[in-house]
């Protein structure tokens, strides 16, 4: 799924998702021909866990 879809499902901004990827907390499958990032369903669970951990502070 594309980054926008992941953002809507997790209620996490696209910028935050990109940051998590740059910090190697999540990984995309690659990019489409149109240069869109593609993510597995597993990334949604990972992002929800990261969000939960950030809220613990």
PDB file of N, CA and C in Angstrom:
ATOM      1  N   UNK A   1       0.826  -1.174   0.000  1.00  0.00           N
ATOM      2  CA  UNK A   1       0.000   0.000   0.000  1.00  0.00           C
ATOM      3  C   UNK A   1       0.875   1.244   0.000  1.00  0.00           C
ATOM      4  N   UNK A   2       0.335   2.330  -0.477  1.00  0.00           N
ATOM      5  CA  UNK A   2       1.096   3.574  -0.586  1.00  0.00           C
ATOM      6  C   UNK A   2       1.161   4.280   0.766  1.00  0.00           C
ATOM      7  N   UNK A   3       2.107   5.196   0.881  1.00  0.00           N
ATOM      8  CA  UNK A   3       2.360   5.897   2.135  1.00  0.00           C
ATOM      9  C   UNK A   3       1.141   6.688   2.608  1.00  0.00           C
ATOM     10  N   UNK A   4       0.359   7.244   1.694  1.00  0.00           N
ATOM     11  CA  UNK A   4      -0.838   7.981   2.070  1.00  0.00           C
ATOM     12  C   UNK A   4      -1.875   7.091   2.736  1.00  0.00           C
ATOM     13  N   UNK A   5      -2.005   5.880   2.233  1.00  0.00           N
ATOM     14  CA  UNK A   5      -2.931   4.918   2.827  1.00  0.00           C
ATOM     15  C   UNK A   5      -2.473   4.522   4.228  1.00  0.00           C
ATOM     16  N   UNK A   6      -1.182   4.288   4.378  1.00  0.00           N
ATOM     17  CA  UNK A   6      -0.621   3.940   5.684  1.00  0.00           C
ATOM     18  C   UNK A   6      -0.858   5.085   6.657  1.00  0.00           C
ATOM     19  N   UNK A   7      -0.671   6.302   6.193  1.00  0.00           N
ATOM     20  CA  UNK A   7      -0.869   7.481   7.022  1.00  0.00           C
ATOM     21  C   UNK A   7      -2.313   7.572   7.523  1.00  0.00           C
ATOM     22  N   UNK A   8      -3.272   7.340   6.656  1.00  0.00           N
ATOM     23  CA  UNK A   8      -4.681   7.410   7.049  1.00  0.00           C
ATOM     24  C   UNK A   8      -5.048   6.312   8.036  1.00  0.00           C
ATOM     25  N   UNK A   9      -4.559   5.108   7.797  1.00  0.00           N
ATOM     26  CA  UNK A   9      -4.887   3.977   8.668  1.00  0.00           C
ATOM     27  C   UNK A   9      -4.300   4.158  10.058  1.00  0.00           C
ATOM     28  N   UNK A  10      -3.069   4.633  10.133  1.00  0.00           N
ATOM     29  CA  UNK A  10      -2.369   4.754  11.418  1.00  0.00           C
ATOM     30  C   UNK A  10      -2.562   6.102  12.084  1.00  0.00           C
ATOM     31  N   UNK A  11      -3.096   7.056  11.359  1.00  0.00           N
ATOM     32  CA  UNK A  11      -3.229   8.436  11.842  1.00  0.00           C
ATOM     33  C   UNK A  11      -1.856   9.020  12.221  1.00  0.00           C
ATOM     34  N   UNK A  12      -0.870   8.704  11.398  1.00  0.00           N
ATOM     35  CA  UNK A  12       0.495   9.217  11.543  1.00  0.00           C
ATOM     36  C   UNK A  12       0.819   9.971  10.262  1.00  0.00           C
ATOM     37  N   UNK A  13       1.421  11.135  10.389  1.00  0.00           N
ATOM     38  CA  UNK A  13       1.693  11.954   9.207  1.00  0.00           C
ATOM     39  C   UNK A  13       2.676  11.280   8.260  1.00  0.00           C
ATOM     40  N   UNK A  14       2.578  11.645   7.005  1.00  0.00           N
ATOM     41  CA  UNK A  14       3.486  11.124   5.980  1.00  0.00           C
ATOM     42  C   UNK A  14       4.932  11.473   6.340  1.00  0.00           C
ATOM     43  N   UNK A  15       5.145  12.665   6.851  1.00  0.00           N
ATOM     44  CA  UNK A  15       6.495  13.091   7.231  1.00  0.00           C
ATOM     45  C   UNK A  15       7.054  12.206   8.336  1.00  0.00           C
ATOM     46  N   UNK A  16       6.224  11.852   9.298  1.00  0.00           N
ATOM     47  CA  UNK A  16       6.670  10.991  10.393  1.00  0.00           C
ATOM     48  C   UNK A  16       6.982   9.588   9.881  1.00  0.00           C
ATOM     49  N   UNK A  17       6.186   9.105   8.963  1.00  0.00           N
ATOM     50  CA  UNK A  17       6.444   7.782   8.372  1.00  0.00           C
ATOM     51  C   UNK A  17       7.772   7.803   7.631  1.00  0.00           C
ATOM     52  N   UNK A  18       8.020   8.853   6.870  1.00  0.00           N
ATOM     53  CA  UNK A  18       9.298   8.978   6.161  1.00  0.00           C
ATOM     54  C   UNK A  18      10.464   9.043   7.150  1.00  0.00           C
ATOM     55  N   UNK A  19      10.261   9.764   8.263  1.00  0.00           N
ATOM     56  CA  UNK A  19      11.309   9.852   9.287  1.00  0.00           C
ATOM     57  C   UNK A  19      11.580   8.470   9.888  1.00  0.00           C
ATOM     58  N   UNK A  20      10.536   7.730  10.207  1.00  0.00           N
ATOM     59  CA  UNK A  20      10.711   6.379  10.759  1.00  0.00           C
ATOM     60  C   UNK A  20      11.479   5.497   9.792  1.00  0.00           C
ATOM     61  N   UNK A  21      11.202   5.644   8.519  1.00  0.00           N
ATOM     62  CA  UNK A  21      11.933   4.863   7.519  1.00  0.00           C
ATOM     63  C   UNK A  21      13.397   5.304   7.450  1.00  0.00           C
ATOM     64  N   UNK A  22      13.658   6.595   7.531  1.00  0.00           N
ATOM     65  CA  UNK A  22      15.044   7.086   7.469  1.00  0.00           C
ATOM     66  C   UNK A  22      15.846   6.634   8.681  1.00  0.00           C
ATOM     67  N   UNK A  23      15.159   6.396   9.815  1.00  0.00           N
ATOM     68  CA  UNK A  23      15.821   5.929  11.033  1.00  0.00           C
ATOM     69  C   UNK A  23      15.863   4.401  11.107  1.00  0.00           C
ATOM     70  N   UNK A  24      15.413   3.742  10.042  1.00  0.00           N
ATOM     71  CA  UNK A  24      15.419   2.281   9.923  1.00  0.00           C
ATOM     72  C   UNK A  24      14.502   1.592  10.931  1.00  0.00           C
ATOM     73  N   UNK A  25      13.441   2.296  11.361  1.00  0.00           N
ATOM     74  CA  UNK A  25      12.457   1.696  12.249  1.00  0.00           C
ATOM     75  C   UNK A  25      11.450   0.866  11.462  1.00  0.00           C
ATOM     76  N   UNK A  26      11.213   1.262  10.221  1.00  0.00           N
ATOM     77  CA  UNK A  26      10.364   0.517   9.297  1.00  0.00           C
ATOM     78  C   UNK A  26      11.074   0.460   7.949  1.00  0.00           C
ATOM     79  N   UNK A  27      10.550  -0.387   7.072  1.00  0.00           N
ATOM     80  CA  UNK A  27      11.169  -0.522   5.756  1.00  0.00           C
ATOM     81  C   UNK A  27      10.083  -0.641   4.696  1.00  0.00           C
ATOM     82  N   UNK A  28      10.270   0.064   3.600  1.00  0.00           N
ATOM     83  CA  UNK A  28       9.334  -0.061   2.483  1.00  0.00           C
ATOM     84  C   UNK A  28       9.773  -1.219   1.603  1.00  0.00           C
ATOM     85  N   UNK A  29       8.832  -1.731   0.821  1.00  0.00           N
ATOM     86  CA  UNK A  29       9.144  -2.812  -0.113  1.00  0.00           C
ATOM     87  C   UNK A  29       9.910  -2.295  -1.321  1.00  0.00           C
ATOM     88  N   UNK A  30       9.819  -1.012  -1.539  1.00  0.00           N
ATOM     89  CA  UNK A  30      10.447  -0.399  -2.707  1.00  0.00           C
ATOM     90  C   UNK A  30       9.558   0.718  -3.208  1.00  0.00           C
ATOM     91  N   UNK A  31       9.652   0.958  -4.492  1.00  0.00           N
ATOM     92  CA  UNK A  31       8.874   2.048  -5.089  1.00  0.00           C
ATOM     93  C   UNK A  31       8.189   1.556  -6.362  1.00  0.00           C
ATOM     94  N   UNK A  32       7.085   2.212  -6.667  1.00  0.00           N
ATOM     95  CA  UNK A  32       6.358   1.896  -7.892  1.00  0.00           C
ATOM     96  C   UNK A  32       7.040   2.591  -9.066  1.00  0.00           C
ATOM     97  N   UNK A  33       6.522   2.352 -10.248  1.00  0.00           N
ATOM     98  CA  UNK A  33       7.031   3.011 -11.449  1.00  0.00           C
ATOM     99  C   UNK A  33       6.861   4.522 -11.315  1.00  0.00           C
ATOM    100  N   UNK A  34       5.797   4.952 -10.631  1.00  0.00           N
ATOM    101  CA  UNK A  34       5.545   6.375 -10.397  1.00  0.00           C
ATOM    102  C   UNK A  34       6.334   6.933  -9.222  1.00  0.00           C
ATOM    103  N   UNK A  35       7.243   6.141  -8.647  1.00  0.00           N
ATOM    104  CA  UNK A  35       8.140   6.527  -7.558  1.00  0.00           C
ATOM    105  C   UNK A  35       7.420   6.693  -6.212  1.00  0.00           C
ATOM    106  N   UNK A  36       6.306   5.978  -6.018  1.00  0.00           N
ATOM    107  CA  UNK A  36       5.613   5.976  -4.735  1.00  0.00           C
ATOM    108  C   UNK A  36       6.173   4.861  -3.863  1.00  0.00           C
ATOM    109  N   UNK A  37       6.347   5.146  -2.571  1.00  0.00           N
ATOM    110  CA  UNK A  37       6.787   4.102  -1.644  1.00  0.00           C
ATOM    111  C   UNK A  37       5.660   3.086  -1.458  1.00  0.00           C
ATOM    112  N   UNK A  38       6.039   1.820  -1.350  1.00  0.00           N
ATOM    113  CA  UNK A  38       5.079   0.745  -1.134  1.00  0.00           C
ATOM    114  C   UNK A  38       5.426   0.048   0.183  1.00  0.00           C
ATOM    115  N   UNK A  39       4.403  -0.193   1.024  1.00  0.00           N
ATOM    116  CA  UNK A  39       4.607  -0.807   2.329  1.00  0.00           C
ATOM    117  C   UNK A  39       3.758  -2.062   2.483  1.00  0.00           C
ATOM    118  N   UNK A  40       4.279  -3.013   3.273  1.00  0.00           N
ATOM    119  CA  UNK A  40       3.532  -4.221   3.625  1.00  0.00           C
ATOM    120  C   UNK A  40       2.538  -3.877   4.732  1.00  0.00           C
ATOM    121  N   UNK A  41       1.566  -4.748   4.942  1.00  0.00           N
ATOM    122  CA  UNK A  41       0.595  -4.567   6.012  1.00  0.00           C
ATOM    123  C   UNK A  41       1.269  -4.587   7.383  1.00  0.00           C
ATOM    124  N   UNK A  42       2.348  -5.307   7.506  1.00  0.00           N
ATOM    125  CA  UNK A  42       3.093  -5.421   8.762  1.00  0.00           C
ATOM    126  C   UNK A  42       3.576  -4.055   9.263  1.00  0.00           C
ATOM    127  N   UNK A  43       3.848  -3.138   8.357  1.00  0.00           N
ATOM    128  CA  UNK A  43       4.334  -1.806   8.726  1.00  0.00           C
ATOM    129  C   UNK A  43       3.288  -1.060   9.551  1.00  0.00           C
ATOM    130  N   UNK A  44       2.022  -1.323   9.296  1.00  0.00           N
ATOM    131  CA  UNK A  44       0.960  -0.665  10.063  1.00  0.00           C
ATOM    132  C   UNK A  44       1.082  -1.035  11.539  1.00  0.00           C
ATOM    133  N   UNK A  45       1.286  -2.308  11.814  1.00  0.00           N
ATOM    134  CA  UNK A  45       1.457  -2.751  13.203  1.00  0.00           C
ATOM    135  C   UNK A  45       2.702  -2.133  13.827  1.00  0.00           C
ATOM    136  N   UNK A  46       3.779  -2.069  13.060  1.00  0.00           N
ATOM    137  CA  UNK A  46       5.020  -1.485  13.570  1.00  0.00           C
ATOM    138  C   UNK A  46       4.823  -0.009  13.910  1.00  0.00           C
ATOM    139  N   UNK A  47       4.152   0.724  13.043  1.00  0.00           N
ATOM    140  CA  UNK A  47       3.921   2.156  13.289  1.00  0.00           C
ATOM    141  C   UNK A  47       2.987   2.377  14.476  1.00  0.00           C
ATOM    142  N   UNK A  48       1.979   1.533  14.606  1.00  0.00           N
ATOM    143  CA  UNK A  48       1.087   1.650  15.766  1.00  0.00           C
ATOM    144  C   UNK A  48       1.862   1.401  17.059  1.00  0.00           C
ATOM    145  N   UNK A  49       2.779   0.441  17.041  1.00  0.00           N
ATOM    146  CA  UNK A  49       3.602   0.166  18.217  1.00  0.00           C
ATOM    147  C   UNK A  49       4.506   1.358  18.524  1.00  0.00           C
ATOM    148  N   UNK A  50       5.128   1.930  17.509  1.00  0.00           N
ATOM    149  CA  UNK A  50       6.000   3.094  17.691  1.00  0.00           C
ATOM    150  C   UNK A  50       5.189   4.257  18.274  1.00  0.00           C
ATOM    151  N   UNK A  51       3.996   4.481  17.735  1.00  0.00           N
ATOM    152  CA  UNK A  51       3.145   5.552  18.233  1.00  0.00           C
ATOM    153  C   UNK A  51       2.780   5.315  19.696  1.00  0.00           C
ATOM    154  N   UNK A  52       2.446   4.093  20.028  1.00  0.00           N
ATOM    155  CA  UNK A  52       2.111   3.731  21.410  1.00  0.00           C
ATOM    156  C   UNK A  52       3.290   4.009  22.342  1.00  0.00           C
ATOM    157  N   UNK A  53       4.468   3.617  21.925  1.00  0.00           N
ATOM    158  CA  UNK A  53       5.671   3.845  22.734  1.00  0.00           C
ATOM    159  C   UNK A  53       5.931   5.335  22.950  1.00  0.00           C
ATOM    160  N   UNK A  54       5.719   6.143  21.938  1.00  0.00           N
ATOM    161  CA  UNK A  54       5.927   7.581  22.062  1.00  0.00           C
ATOM    162  C   UNK A  54       4.922   8.210  23.027  1.00  0.00           C
ATOM    163  N   UNK A  55       3.731   7.645  23.100  1.00  0.00           N
ATOM    164  CA  UNK A  55       2.708   8.182  23.991  1.00  0.00           C
ATOM    165  C   UNK A  55       2.949   7.809  25.453  1.00  0.00           C
ATOM    166  N   UNK A  56       3.838   6.860  25.701  1.00  0.00           N
ATOM    167  CA  UNK A  56       4.132   6.427  27.075  1.00  0.00           C
ATOM    168  C   UNK A  56       4.909   7.464  27.852  1.00  0.00           C
ATOM    169  N   UNK A  57       5.583   8.342  27.148  1.00  0.00           N
ATOM    170  CA  UNK A  57       6.445   9.323  27.823  1.00  0.00           C
ATOM    171  C   UNK A  57       5.691  10.295  28.646  1.00  0.00           C
TER     172      UNK A  57
END
